[in-house]
Amino acid sequence: MSKARNQKDELERRDIELENVIGNLMIAEYQVEKLRTRVTERIGAYGYGTDRKVSSHMFKHDNKWFKISVKVRNLR
């Protein structure tokens, strides 16, 4: 009886680290989808007749300045 119980306990053991990684992956996928939705909504708000097709962001890290520019194009 105890051998069967040990096998059952071994099968029921959880790999907490693996569960955390999978949980983080699910959260990341959800966040990517939400960000894609937000970007799509923002691009749609610009319309086609406006000059606001570039977004820029500047930040400083380790005493260096960085500028990220994103050009928006609708590829219909």
PDB file of N, CA and C in Angstrom:
ATOM      1  N   MET A   1       0.821  -1.190   0.000  1.00  0.00           N
ATOM      2  CA  MET A   1       0.000   0.000   0.000  1.00  0.00           C
ATOM      3  C   MET A   1       0.867   1.257   0.000  1.00  0.00           C
ATOM      4  N   SER A   2       1.976   1.244   0.763  1.00  0.00           N
ATOM      5  CA  SER A   2       2.790   2.449   0.857  1.00  0.00           C
ATOM      6  C   SER A   2       3.521   2.726  -0.450  1.00  0.00           C
ATOM      7  N   LYS A   3       3.874   1.664  -1.214  1.00  0.00           N
ATOM      8  CA  LYS A   3       4.530   1.858  -2.507  1.00  0.00           C
ATOM      9  C   LYS A   3       3.584   2.569  -3.477  1.00  0.00           C
ATOM     10  N   ALA A   4       2.344   2.152  -3.486  1.00  0.00           N
ATOM     11  CA  ALA A   4       1.339   2.788  -4.349  1.00  0.00           C
ATOM     12  C   ALA A   4       1.122   4.236  -3.927  1.00  0.00           C
ATOM     13  N   ARG A   5       1.120   4.476  -2.627  1.00  0.00           N
ATOM     14  CA  ARG A   5       0.929   5.841  -2.134  1.00  0.00           C
ATOM     15  C   ARG A   5       2.109   6.733  -2.520  1.00  0.00           C
ATOM     16  N   ASN A   6       3.344   6.212  -2.412  1.00  0.00           N
ATOM     17  CA  ASN A   6       4.530   6.975  -2.801  1.00  0.00           C
ATOM     18  C   ASN A   6       4.495   7.322  -4.283  1.00  0.00           C
ATOM     19  N   GLN A   7       4.066   6.389  -5.122  1.00  0.00           N
ATOM     20  CA  GLN A   7       3.971   6.664  -6.546  1.00  0.00           C
ATOM     21  C   GLN A   7       2.920   7.738  -6.821  1.00  0.00           C
ATOM     22  N   LYS A   8       1.805   7.664  -6.112  1.00  0.00           N
ATOM     23  CA  LYS A   8       0.746   8.660  -6.287  1.00  0.00           C
ATOM     24  C   LYS A   8       1.234  10.030  -5.844  1.00  0.00           C
ATOM     25  N   ASP A   9       1.941  10.086  -4.689  1.00  0.00           N
ATOM     26  CA  ASP A   9       2.476  11.359  -4.207  1.00  0.00           C
ATOM     27  C   ASP A   9       3.472  11.940  -5.199  1.00  0.00           C
ATOM     28  N   GLU A  10       4.286  11.079  -5.791  1.00  0.00           N
ATOM     29  CA  GLU A  10       5.276  11.540  -6.746  1.00  0.00           C
ATOM     30  C   GLU A  10       4.598  12.114  -7.984  1.00  0.00           C
ATOM     31  N   LEU A  11       3.525  11.487  -8.428  1.00  0.00           N
ATOM     32  CA  LEU A  11       2.786  11.991  -9.590  1.00  0.00           C
ATOM     33  C   LEU A  11       2.107  13.319  -9.287  1.00  0.00           C
ATOM     34  N   GLU A  12       1.688  13.504  -8.035  1.00  0.00           N
ATOM     35  CA  GLU A  12       0.960  14.705  -7.670  1.00  0.00           C
ATOM     36  C   GLU A  12       1.870  15.878  -7.316  1.00  0.00           C
ATOM     37  N   ARG A  13       3.175  15.640  -7.181  1.00  0.00           N
ATOM     38  CA  ARG A  13       4.085  16.738  -6.870  1.00  0.00           C
ATOM     39  C   ARG A  13       4.064  17.757  -7.994  1.00  0.00           C
ATOM     40  N   ARG A  14       4.125  18.979  -7.598  1.00  0.00           N
ATOM     41  CA  ARG A  14       4.069  20.057  -8.573  1.00  0.00           C
ATOM     42  C   ARG A  14       5.452  20.658  -8.754  1.00  0.00           C
ATOM     43  N   ASP A  15       5.755  21.037  -9.967  1.00  0.00           N
ATOM     44  CA  ASP A  15       6.989  21.753 -10.258  1.00  0.00           C
ATOM     45  C   ASP A  15       6.645  23.241 -10.211  1.00  0.00           C
ATOM     46  N   ILE A  16       6.870  23.844  -9.051  1.00  0.00           N
ATOM     47  CA  ILE A  16       6.480  25.241  -8.832  1.00  0.00           C
ATOM     48  C   ILE A  16       7.187  26.180  -9.806  1.00  0.00           C
ATOM     49  N   GLU A  17       8.472  25.952 -10.054  1.00  0.00           N
ATOM     50  CA  GLU A  17       9.206  26.821 -10.970  1.00  0.00           C
ATOM     51  C   GLU A  17       8.605  26.755 -12.374  1.00  0.00           C
ATOM     52  N   LEU A  18       8.287  25.555 -12.832  1.00  0.00           N
ATOM     53  CA  LEU A  18       7.667  25.406 -14.154  1.00  0.00           C
ATOM     54  C   LEU A  18       6.312  26.095 -14.191  1.00  0.00           C
ATOM     55  N   GLU A  19       5.515  25.946 -13.155  1.00  0.00           N
ATOM     56  CA  GLU A  19       4.220  26.612 -13.100  1.00  0.00           C
ATOM     57  C   GLU A  19       4.378  28.127 -13.141  1.00  0.00           C
ATOM     58  N   ASN A  20       5.386  28.655 -12.451  1.00  0.00           N
ATOM     59  CA  ASN A  20       5.632  30.101 -12.471  1.00  0.00           C
ATOM     60  C   ASN A  20       6.035  30.571 -13.864  1.00  0.00           C
ATOM     61  N   VAL A  21       6.891  29.815 -14.537  1.00  0.00           N
ATOM     62  CA  VAL A  21       7.308  30.185 -15.894  1.00  0.00           C
ATOM     63  C   VAL A  21       6.110  30.182 -16.831  1.00  0.00           C
ATOM     64  N   ILE A  22       5.282  29.152 -16.740  1.00  0.00           N
ATOM     65  CA  ILE A  22       4.096  29.074 -17.599  1.00  0.00           C
ATOM     66  C   ILE A  22       3.129  30.210 -17.279  1.00  0.00           C
ATOM     67  N   GLY A  23       2.954  30.513 -16.005  1.00  0.00           N
ATOM     68  CA  GLY A  23       2.094  31.631 -15.615  1.00  0.00           C
ATOM     69  C   GLY A  23       2.612  32.957 -16.158  1.00  0.00           C
ATOM     70  N   ASN A  24       3.922  33.161 -16.065  1.00  0.00           N
ATOM     71  CA  ASN A  24       4.522  34.393 -16.607  1.00  0.00           C
ATOM     72  C   ASN A  24       4.356  34.471 -18.111  1.00  0.00           C
ATOM     73  N   LEU A  25       4.477  33.337 -18.795  1.00  0.00           N
ATOM     74  CA  LEU A  25       4.274  33.306 -20.242  1.00  0.00           C
ATOM     75  C   LEU A  25       2.839  33.686 -20.601  1.00  0.00           C
ATOM     76  N   MET A  26       1.882  33.176 -19.841  1.00  0.00           N
ATOM     77  CA  MET A  26       0.484  33.512 -20.107  1.00  0.00           C
ATOM     78  C   MET A  26       0.226  35.001 -19.878  1.00  0.00           C
ATOM     79  N   ILE A  27       0.813  35.558 -18.828  1.00  0.00           N
ATOM     80  CA  ILE A  27       0.669  36.992 -18.557  1.00  0.00           C
ATOM     81  C   ILE A  27       1.293  37.802 -19.679  1.00  0.00           C
ATOM     82  N   ALA A  28       2.485  37.402 -20.130  1.00  0.00           N
ATOM     83  CA  ALA A  28       3.170  38.123 -21.207  1.00  0.00           C
ATOM     84  C   ALA A  28       2.347  38.093 -22.497  1.00  0.00           C
ATOM     85  N   GLU A  29       1.780  36.942 -22.819  1.00  0.00           N
ATOM     86  CA  GLU A  29       0.942  36.847 -24.022  1.00  0.00           C
ATOM     87  C   GLU A  29      -0.265  37.773 -23.919  1.00  0.00           C
ATOM     88  N   TYR A  30      -0.879  37.832 -22.752  1.00  0.00           N
ATOM     89  CA  TYR A  30      -2.021  38.714 -22.533  1.00  0.00           C
ATOM     90  C   TYR A  30      -1.598  40.177 -22.709  1.00  0.00           C
ATOM     91  N   GLN A  31      -0.431  40.544 -22.138  1.00  0.00           N
ATOM     92  CA  GLN A  31       0.049  41.915 -22.240  1.00  0.00           C
ATOM     93  C   GLN A  31       0.367  42.289 -23.678  1.00  0.00           C
ATOM     94  N   VAL A  32       0.955  41.368 -24.438  1.00  0.00           N
ATOM     95  CA  VAL A  32       1.252  41.636 -25.848  1.00  0.00           C
ATOM     96  C   VAL A  32      -0.040  41.900 -26.603  1.00  0.00           C
ATOM     97  N   GLU A  33      -1.049  41.093 -26.358  1.00  0.00           N
ATOM     98  CA  GLU A  33      -2.326  41.284 -27.049  1.00  0.00           C
ATOM     99  C   GLU A  33      -2.954  42.634 -26.689  1.00  0.00           C
ATOM    100  N   LYS A  34      -2.898  43.003 -25.407  1.00  0.00           N
ATOM    101  CA  LYS A  34      -3.441  44.303 -24.987  1.00  0.00           C
ATOM    102  C   LYS A  34      -2.662  45.442 -25.646  1.00  0.00           C
ATOM    103  N   LEU A  35      -1.334  45.329 -25.725  1.00  0.00           N
ATOM    104  CA  LEU A  35      -0.526  46.370 -26.357  1.00  0.00           C
ATOM    105  C   LEU A  35      -0.801  46.463 -27.854  1.00  0.00           C
ATOM    106  N   ARG A  36      -0.987  45.334 -28.505  1.00  0.00           N
ATOM    107  CA  ARG A  36      -1.335  45.361 -29.928  1.00  0.00           C
ATOM    108  C   ARG A  36      -2.662  46.079 -30.145  1.00  0.00           C
ATOM    109  N   THR A  37      -3.614  45.825 -29.265  1.00  0.00           N
ATOM    110  CA  THR A  37      -4.910  46.495 -29.365  1.00  0.00           C
ATOM    111  C   THR A  37      -4.749  47.997 -29.179  1.00  0.00           C
ATOM    112  N   ARG A  38      -3.964  48.398 -28.182  1.00  0.00           N
ATOM    113  CA  ARG A  38      -3.764  49.827 -27.931  1.00  0.00           C
ATOM    114  C   ARG A  38      -3.061  50.509 -29.093  1.00  0.00           C
ATOM    115  N   VAL A  39      -2.052  49.854 -29.668  1.00  0.00           N
ATOM    116  CA  VAL A  39      -1.344  50.437 -30.815  1.00  0.00           C
ATOM    117  C   VAL A  39      -2.287  50.582 -31.988  1.00  0.00           C
ATOM    118  N   THR A  40      -3.085  49.559 -32.244  1.00  0.00           N
ATOM    119  CA  THR A  40      -4.047  49.614 -33.346  1.00  0.00           C
ATOM    120  C   THR A  40      -5.042  50.748 -33.150  1.00  0.00           C
ATOM    121  N   GLU A  41      -5.514  50.924 -31.931  1.00  0.00           N
ATOM    122  CA  GLU A  41      -6.450  52.011 -31.653  1.00  0.00           C
ATOM    123  C   GLU A  41      -5.786  53.366 -31.862  1.00  0.00           C
ATOM    124  N   ARG A  42      -4.537  53.501 -31.432  1.00  0.00           N
ATOM    125  CA  ARG A  42      -3.824  54.779 -31.587  1.00  0.00           C
ATOM    126  C   ARG A  42      -3.566  55.085 -33.059  1.00  0.00           C
ATOM    127  N   ILE A  43      -3.191  54.073 -33.827  1.00  0.00           N
ATOM    128  CA  ILE A  43      -2.929  54.279 -35.251  1.00  0.00           C
ATOM    129  C   ILE A  43      -4.219  54.664 -35.951  1.00  0.00           C
ATOM    130  N   GLY A  44      -5.308  54.005 -35.607  1.00  0.00           N
ATOM    131  CA  GLY A  44      -6.591  54.324 -36.206  1.00  0.00           C
ATOM    132  C   GLY A  44      -7.029  55.735 -35.895  1.00  0.00           C
ATOM    133  N   ALA A  45      -6.624  56.266 -34.741  1.00  0.00           N
ATOM    134  CA  ALA A  45      -6.992  57.629 -34.357  1.00  0.00           C
ATOM    135  C   ALA A  45      -6.275  58.671 -35.203  1.00  0.00           C
ATOM    136  N   TYR A  46      -5.127  58.310 -35.758  1.00  0.00           N
ATOM    137  CA  TYR A  46      -4.368  59.271 -36.573  1.00  0.00           C
ATOM    138  C   TYR A  46      -5.034  59.521 -37.912  1.00  0.00           C
ATOM    139  N   GLY A  47      -5.709  58.548 -38.447  1.00  0.00           N
ATOM    140  CA  GLY A  47      -6.324  58.701 -39.756  1.00  0.00           C
ATOM    141  C   GLY A  47      -5.262  58.736 -40.840  1.00  0.00           C
ATOM    142  N   TYR A  48      -5.694  59.023 -42.060  1.00  0.00           N
ATOM    143  CA  TYR A  48      -4.760  59.015 -43.181  1.00  0.00           C
ATOM    144  C   TYR A  48      -4.306  60.406 -43.576  1.00  0.00           C
ATOM    145  N   GLY A  49      -5.054  61.440 -43.229  1.00  0.00           N
ATOM    146  CA  GLY A  49      -4.732  62.771 -43.701  1.00  0.00           C
ATOM    147  C   GLY A  49      -3.874  63.587 -42.751  1.00  0.00           C
ATOM    148  N   THR A  50      -3.315  62.998 -41.741  1.00  0.00           N
ATOM    149  CA  THR A  50      -2.559  63.758 -40.750  1.00  0.00           C
ATOM    150  C   THR A  50      -1.065  63.510 -40.893  1.00  0.00           C
ATOM    151  N   ASP A  51      -0.269  64.432 -40.387  1.00  0.00           N
ATOM    152  CA  ASP A  51       1.187  64.303 -40.445  1.00  0.00           C
ATOM    153  C   ASP A  51       1.739  63.533 -39.250  1.00  0.00           C
ATOM    154  N   ARG A  52       0.910  63.222 -38.285  1.00  0.00           N
ATOM    155  CA  ARG A  52       1.367  62.529 -37.075  1.00  0.00           C
ATOM    156  C   ARG A  52       1.499  61.036 -37.324  1.00  0.00           C
ATOM    157  N   LYS A  53       2.493  60.678 -38.101  1.00  0.00           N
ATOM    158  CA  LYS A  53       2.707  59.264 -38.408  1.00  0.00           C
ATOM    159  C   LYS A  53       3.991  58.753 -37.756  1.00  0.00           C
ATOM    160  N   VAL A  54       4.651  59.596 -36.947  1.00  0.00           N
ATOM    161  CA  VAL A  54       5.880  59.202 -36.265  1.00  0.00           C
ATOM    162  C   VAL A  54       5.723  59.499 -34.781  1.00  0.00           C
ATOM    163  N   SER A  55       6.129  58.557 -33.962  1.00  0.00           N
ATOM    164  CA  SER A  55       6.119  58.735 -32.524  1.00  0.00           C
ATOM    165  C   SER A  55       7.545  58.595 -32.023  1.00  0.00           C
ATOM    166  N   SER A  56       7.964  59.488 -31.128  1.00  0.00           N
ATOM    167  CA  SER A  56       9.327  59.451 -30.610  1.00  0.00           C
ATOM    168  C   SER A  56       9.307  59.423 -29.096  1.00  0.00           C
ATOM    169  N   HIS A  57      10.303  58.759 -28.544  1.00  0.00           N
ATOM    170  CA  HIS A  57      10.463  58.685 -27.099  1.00  0.00           C
ATOM    171  C   HIS A  57      11.940  58.819 -26.779  1.00  0.00           C
ATOM    172  N   MET A  58      12.279  59.718 -25.855  1.00  0.00           N
ATOM    173  CA  MET A  58      13.671  59.908 -25.446  1.00  0.00           C
ATOM    174  C   MET A  58      13.816  59.524 -23.983  1.00  0.00           C
ATOM    175  N   PHE A  59      14.959  58.906 -23.667  1.00  0.00           N
ATOM    176  CA  PHE A  59      15.239  58.566 -22.282  1.00  0.00           C
ATOM    177  C   PHE A  59      16.738  58.502 -22.061  1.00  0.00           C
ATOM    178  N   LYS A  60      17.131  58.620 -20.812  1.00  0.00           N
ATOM    179  CA  LYS A  60      18.544  58.580 -20.441  1.00  0.00           C
ATOM    180  C   LYS A  60      18.787  57.327 -19.602  1.00  0.00           C
ATOM    181  N   HIS A  61      19.863  56.612 -19.947  1.00  0.00           N
ATOM    182  CA  HIS A  61      20.242  55.405 -19.214  1.00  0.00           C
ATOM    183  C   HIS A  61      21.764  55.334 -19.183  1.00  0.00           C
ATOM    184  N   ASP A  62      22.330  55.181 -17.994  1.00  0.00           N
ATOM    185  CA  ASP A  62      23.799  55.131 -17.815  1.00  0.00           C
ATOM    186  C   ASP A  62      24.485  56.334 -18.456  1.00  0.00           C
ATOM    187  N   ASN A  63      23.941  57.507 -18.219  1.00  0.00           N
ATOM    188  CA  ASN A  63      24.484  58.767 -18.730  1.00  0.00           C
ATOM    189  C   ASN A  63      24.539  58.835 -20.252  1.00  0.00           C
ATOM    190  N   LYS A  64      23.727  58.072 -20.921  1.00  0.00           N
ATOM    191  CA  LYS A  64      23.616  58.128 -22.375  1.00  0.00           C
ATOM    192  C   LYS A  64      22.165  58.405 -22.730  1.00  0.00           C
ATOM    193  N   TRP A  65      21.959  59.261 -23.715  1.00  0.00           N
ATOM    194  CA  TRP A  65      20.616  59.575 -24.178  1.00  0.00           C
ATOM    195  C   TRP A  65      20.248  58.682 -25.349  1.00  0.00           C
ATOM    196  N   PHE A  66      19.010  58.234 -25.362  1.00  0.00           N
ATOM    197  CA  PHE A  66      18.507  57.398 -26.440  1.00  0.00           C
ATOM    198  C   PHE A  66      17.208  57.998 -26.962  1.00  0.00           C
ATOM    199  N   LYS A  67      17.013  57.889 -28.262  1.00  0.00           N
ATOM    200  CA  LYS A  67      15.765  58.335 -28.872  1.00  0.00           C
ATOM    201  C   LYS A  67      15.244  57.188 -29.732  1.00  0.00           C
ATOM    202  N   ILE A  68      14.004  56.830 -29.474  1.00  0.00           N
ATOM    203  CA  ILE A  68      13.355  55.783 -30.248  1.00  0.00           C
ATOM    204  C   ILE A  68      12.246  56.437 -31.051  1.00  0.00           C
ATOM    205  N   SER A  69      12.280  56.246 -32.352  1.00  0.00           N
ATOM    206  CA  SER A  69      11.235  56.770 -33.225  1.00  0.00           C
ATOM    207  C   SER A  69      10.565  55.614 -33.940  1.00  0.00           C
ATOM    208  N   VAL A  70       9.259  55.698 -34.008  1.00  0.00           N
ATOM    209  CA  VAL A  70       8.477  54.671 -34.675  1.00  0.00           C
ATOM    210  C   VAL A  70       7.661  55.338 -35.766  1.00  0.00           C
ATOM    211  N   LYS A  71       7.830  54.858 -36.976  1.00  0.00           N
ATOM    212  CA  LYS A  71       7.053  55.368 -38.104  1.00  0.00           C
ATOM    213  C   LYS A  71       5.865  54.434 -38.299  1.00  0.00           C
ATOM    214  N   VAL A  72       4.704  55.008 -38.417  1.00  0.00           N
ATOM    215  CA  VAL A  72       3.478  54.212 -38.520  1.00  0.00           C
ATOM    216  C   VAL A  72       2.991  54.222 -39.963  1.00  0.00           C
ATOM    217  N   ARG A  73       2.769  52.998 -40.468  1.00  0.00           N
ATOM    218  CA  ARG A  73       2.190  52.836 -41.793  1.00  0.00           C
ATOM    219  C   ARG A  73       1.121  51.764 -41.722  1.00  0.00           C
ATOM    220  N   ASN A  74       0.025  51.995 -42.361  1.00  0.00           N
ATOM    221  CA  ASN A  74      -1.020  50.986 -42.437  1.00  0.00           C
ATOM    222  C   ASN A  74      -0.797  50.184 -43.716  1.00  0.00           C
ATOM    223  N   LEU A  75      -0.609  48.874 -43.583  1.00  0.00           N
ATOM    224  CA  LEU A  75      -0.297  48.026 -44.737  1.00  0.00           C
ATOM    225  C   LEU A  75      -1.543  47.276 -45.210  1.00  0.00           C
ATOM    226  N   ARG A  76      -2.502  47.972 -45.645  1.00  0.00           N
ATOM    227  CA  ARG A  76      -3.744  47.321 -46.117  1.00  0.00           C
ATOM    228  C   ARG A  76      -3.524  46.608 -47.399  1.00  0.00           C
TER     229      ARG A  76
END
